[in-house]
Amino acid sequence: MRNLFFFIYRFRAFLIFLSLEVLCVFMLVRYNTYQGAAIFNSATTYVGYVLEFQSSVKDYFRLASINNTLATENAALRAELMKYKDIEQTDSLNKMTDSLYVVTDSAKALPYILHAARVINNSIRRTNNYLTLSVGSEAGVRPEMGVITPGGIVGRVKTVGKRYSTVTSILHSQMLVSAKIKRDNTSGTIRWTGGDYRTALLDFVPLHIKPAIGDTVVTSGYSTVFPEGVMIGTISSVEREPDKSFYTIEVKLAVDFAQLSYVYVVEDPHREEREKLERDAGIKSDEP
């Protein structure tokens, strides 16, 4: 307390001056309309800057929550889009067969469910690359489910824990994906041979086909891992080698694996039924 009194006494002149200045400003603003309006507008502007900065700081720390919410909403919207795409294909088939094919309720059912997931680990420079996702069995994720982004395919779920899962990336030496050239539905197989993470090969395209640079390559839908028509990439080069029965085709992958942050895990509700039927018939394929 003694130090406080000493401080006040020492700076008494400055404190009295400061108090009088505040009083003058108050009286000037209080009894003069023009000066009061000017001070009020200036104060409002500065307060607005402070509030805007405060809001920006809060929004920054809420980005993770916001991104998770948006990813979940996008998953639902994309699943709805896939539903209408499936219905459109069914309607086209109905017209082609002159209404001999009756569209049933089961044909119109939503074929896939998408689970939004955040990528928390990712490799692209190894021979066999993997991802780790922030979703697991609690969210309905199971092994062998496909993983995609709005841009294209990413990989296939390998192992699943309660809250996390690992994914075999398409950038894996043993990962094969059933694909087709969208323009003419020519089937092939996508595989990655290492090196450039932006490029893969499209195998088993026969020589009588005429693939062209720029052709779009999508999933074929021949397996239960990926829906039909999901983007894989575009043809970047075509070589016809004399000692081979198929083209050597390079595909520029649509997904930038170095920039992955959020993905969708694809669940097919009818997968078990289809796989059991194909196994019993001896036609089950190991190619995703």
Foldseek 3Di string as FASTA:
>chain_A
DVVVVVVCVVCVVVVVVVVVVVVVLVVCLVPPPVSVVVVVVVVVVVVVVVVVVVVVVVVVVCVVVVVQVVQAVVQVVVLVVVLVVQVVVVVVVCVVVVNPDDDDPVSSDRFKHKDKWWWPDWDQQDQWIKTKTQAFVCRPDDFQAWKAALQFGFFTWHAGDHGMTMGGGLSYQPAKAWKAFVVPRQIFIWHARHDDSQKIWTPDRFPVDDDDFFTWMWGCCPAPRDHGPTGFFTWHDWDDDPVDGIITTMGGGRDDRVDGTMMITMDGPCRVVVQVVCVVVVNDDPHD
